[in-house]
Amino acid sequence: MTHKALTIDGLETVYDALATAIDQAGADKAQLFLVKLALLNANALADETLFQQQITAALQDL
């Protein structure tokens, strides 16, 4: 399976969109928003093993 990757510019665009959406959700709903977003992306990815690997990677160096 080949994985597509975003360019640096693409990552910056996604980061900006995510930061804006978190601000829009507000502090009281930010966690719920992030969980919903993660589940939507897990469904779009359609690969629970890869999603678990991404969870593990995201937990590193917090």
N, C-alpha and C. Protein backbone atom coordinates (compact mmCIF):
# COMPACT_ATOMS: atom_id res chain seq x y z
N MET A 1 0.85 -1.18 0.00
CA MET A 1 0.00 0.00 0.00
C MET A 1 0.89 1.24 0.00
N THR A 2 0.67 2.11 -0.92
CA THR A 2 1.43 3.36 -0.98
C THR A 2 0.66 4.45 -0.24
N HIS A 3 1.41 5.23 0.50
CA HIS A 3 0.80 6.32 1.26
C HIS A 3 1.13 7.64 0.59
N LYS A 4 0.11 8.44 0.37
CA LYS A 4 0.33 9.78 -0.13
C LYS A 4 0.70 10.65 1.06
N ALA A 5 1.54 11.63 0.84
CA ALA A 5 1.93 12.54 1.91
C ALA A 5 1.72 13.97 1.46
N LEU A 6 1.35 14.82 2.40
CA LEU A 6 1.20 16.23 2.11
C LEU A 6 2.56 16.90 1.98
N THR A 7 2.60 17.95 1.19
CA THR A 7 3.80 18.78 1.13
C THR A 7 3.85 19.62 2.41
N ILE A 8 4.96 20.31 2.61
CA ILE A 8 5.06 21.22 3.75
C ILE A 8 3.97 22.28 3.67
N ASP A 9 3.75 22.83 2.49
CA ASP A 9 2.68 23.82 2.31
C ASP A 9 1.32 23.22 2.63
N GLY A 10 1.10 21.99 2.21
CA GLY A 10 -0.15 21.31 2.51
C GLY A 10 -0.35 21.11 4.00
N LEU A 11 0.73 20.72 4.69
CA LEU A 11 0.66 20.55 6.14
C LEU A 11 0.37 21.87 6.84
N GLU A 12 0.97 22.95 6.36
CA GLU A 12 0.72 24.26 6.95
C GLU A 12 -0.73 24.67 6.74
N THR A 13 -1.28 24.38 5.57
CA THR A 13 -2.69 24.69 5.30
C THR A 13 -3.60 23.91 6.23
N VAL A 14 -3.32 22.61 6.39
CA VAL A 14 -4.12 21.77 7.28
C VAL A 14 -3.99 22.25 8.72
N TYR A 15 -2.79 22.60 9.14
CA TYR A 15 -2.57 23.10 10.51
C TYR A 15 -3.40 24.36 10.75
N ASP A 16 -3.35 25.29 9.80
CA ASP A 16 -4.11 26.54 9.94
C ASP A 16 -5.61 26.26 10.01
N ALA A 17 -6.10 25.37 9.15
CA ALA A 17 -7.53 25.03 9.15
C ALA A 17 -7.93 24.38 10.48
N LEU A 18 -7.07 23.50 10.99
CA LEU A 18 -7.35 22.83 12.26
C LEU A 18 -7.36 23.82 13.41
N ALA A 19 -6.38 24.71 13.46
CA ALA A 19 -6.32 25.72 14.52
C ALA A 19 -7.56 26.61 14.49
N THR A 20 -7.98 27.01 13.30
CA THR A 20 -9.17 27.85 13.16
C THR A 20 -10.41 27.10 13.62
N ALA A 21 -10.53 25.84 13.25
CA ALA A 21 -11.70 25.05 13.65
C ALA A 21 -11.73 24.83 15.16
N ILE A 22 -10.58 24.60 15.78
CA ILE A 22 -10.52 24.43 17.23
C ILE A 22 -10.97 25.72 17.91
N ASP A 23 -10.50 26.85 17.42
CA ASP A 23 -10.93 28.15 17.96
C ASP A 23 -12.44 28.33 17.78
N GLN A 24 -12.95 27.94 16.62
CA GLN A 24 -14.37 28.08 16.32
C GLN A 24 -15.21 27.20 17.24
N ALA A 25 -14.72 25.99 17.53
CA ALA A 25 -15.44 25.08 18.42
C ALA A 25 -15.50 25.63 19.84
N GLY A 26 -14.47 26.36 20.25
CA GLY A 26 -14.41 26.90 21.60
C GLY A 26 -13.79 25.91 22.56
N ALA A 27 -13.27 26.44 23.64
CA ALA A 27 -12.55 25.63 24.62
C ALA A 27 -13.41 24.51 25.20
N ASP A 28 -14.71 24.77 25.38
CA ASP A 28 -15.59 23.77 25.99
C ASP A 28 -15.95 22.63 25.03
N LYS A 29 -15.76 22.82 23.73
CA LYS A 29 -16.12 21.79 22.75
C LYS A 29 -14.91 21.30 21.94
N ALA A 30 -13.72 21.81 22.23
CA ALA A 30 -12.53 21.46 21.44
C ALA A 30 -12.24 19.96 21.49
N GLN A 31 -12.33 19.37 22.67
CA GLN A 31 -12.03 17.94 22.80
C GLN A 31 -13.05 17.11 22.02
N LEU A 32 -14.32 17.44 22.11
CA LEU A 32 -15.35 16.74 21.35
C LEU A 32 -15.11 16.89 19.85
N PHE A 33 -14.78 18.09 19.42
CA PHE A 33 -14.48 18.33 18.00
C PHE A 33 -13.34 17.44 17.54
N LEU A 34 -12.25 17.37 18.31
CA LEU A 34 -11.09 16.58 17.91
C LEU A 34 -11.41 15.08 17.84
N VAL A 35 -12.24 14.60 18.76
CA VAL A 35 -12.64 13.19 18.73
C VAL A 35 -13.48 12.92 17.49
N LYS A 36 -14.45 13.81 17.20
CA LYS A 36 -15.27 13.64 16.00
C LYS A 36 -14.41 13.67 14.74
N LEU A 37 -13.46 14.59 14.69
CA LEU A 37 -12.57 14.69 13.53
C LEU A 37 -11.74 13.42 13.39
N ALA A 38 -11.22 12.90 14.50
CA ALA A 38 -10.42 11.66 14.45
C ALA A 38 -11.26 10.50 13.94
N LEU A 39 -12.49 10.39 14.41
CA LEU A 39 -13.35 9.29 13.96
C LEU A 39 -13.71 9.43 12.48
N LEU A 40 -14.00 10.64 12.04
CA LEU A 40 -14.28 10.86 10.62
C LEU A 40 -13.07 10.50 9.76
N ASN A 41 -11.89 10.86 10.22
CA ASN A 41 -10.68 10.54 9.46
C ASN A 41 -10.35 9.05 9.51
N ALA A 42 -10.62 8.40 10.64
CA ALA A 42 -10.43 6.94 10.72
C ALA A 42 -11.35 6.24 9.73
N ASN A 43 -12.57 6.71 9.64
CA ASN A 43 -13.51 6.13 8.70
C ASN A 43 -13.06 6.37 7.25
N ALA A 44 -12.58 7.57 6.96
CA ALA A 44 -12.09 7.88 5.61
C ALA A 44 -10.85 7.06 5.27
N LEU A 45 -10.00 6.83 6.27
CA LEU A 45 -8.78 6.03 6.08
C LEU A 45 -9.12 4.57 5.84
N ALA A 46 -10.14 4.09 6.54
CA ALA A 46 -10.63 2.71 6.40
C ALA A 46 -9.55 1.66 6.67
N ASP A 47 -8.69 1.93 7.65
CA ASP A 47 -7.62 1.00 8.01
C ASP A 47 -7.33 1.16 9.50
N GLU A 48 -7.96 0.29 10.32
CA GLU A 48 -7.82 0.44 11.76
C GLU A 48 -6.39 0.23 12.26
N THR A 49 -5.63 -0.61 11.59
CA THR A 49 -4.24 -0.84 11.99
C THR A 49 -3.41 0.42 11.76
N LEU A 50 -3.55 1.02 10.61
CA LEU A 50 -2.83 2.25 10.31
C LEU A 50 -3.26 3.37 11.25
N PHE A 51 -4.56 3.44 11.54
CA PHE A 51 -5.04 4.46 12.47
C PHE A 51 -4.42 4.26 13.85
N GLN A 52 -4.34 3.02 14.32
CA GLN A 52 -3.70 2.75 15.62
C GLN A 52 -2.24 3.16 15.60
N GLN A 53 -1.55 2.92 14.49
CA GLN A 53 -0.15 3.34 14.36
C GLN A 53 -0.04 4.86 14.44
N GLN A 54 -1.00 5.56 13.86
CA GLN A 54 -0.99 7.02 13.91
C GLN A 54 -1.26 7.52 15.33
N ILE A 55 -2.12 6.83 16.07
CA ILE A 55 -2.35 7.19 17.47
C ILE A 55 -1.05 7.04 18.26
N THR A 56 -0.37 5.93 18.05
CA THR A 56 0.90 5.69 18.74
C THR A 56 1.93 6.77 18.41
N ALA A 57 2.03 7.11 17.13
CA ALA A 57 2.97 8.15 16.70
C ALA A 57 2.60 9.51 17.32
N ALA A 58 1.31 9.83 17.38
CA ALA A 58 0.89 11.12 17.92
C ALA A 58 1.15 11.23 19.42
N LEU A 59 1.15 10.10 20.12
CA LEU A 59 1.41 10.11 21.56
C LEU A 59 2.88 10.31 21.90
N GLN A 60 3.75 10.08 20.94
CA GLN A 60 5.19 10.23 21.20
C GLN A 60 5.55 11.68 21.41
N ASP A 61 6.41 11.92 22.35
CA ASP A 61 6.99 13.24 22.63
C ASP A 61 5.97 14.32 22.91
N LEU A 62 4.88 13.98 23.61
CA LEU A 62 3.91 15.01 24.01
C LEU A 62 4.46 15.87 25.12
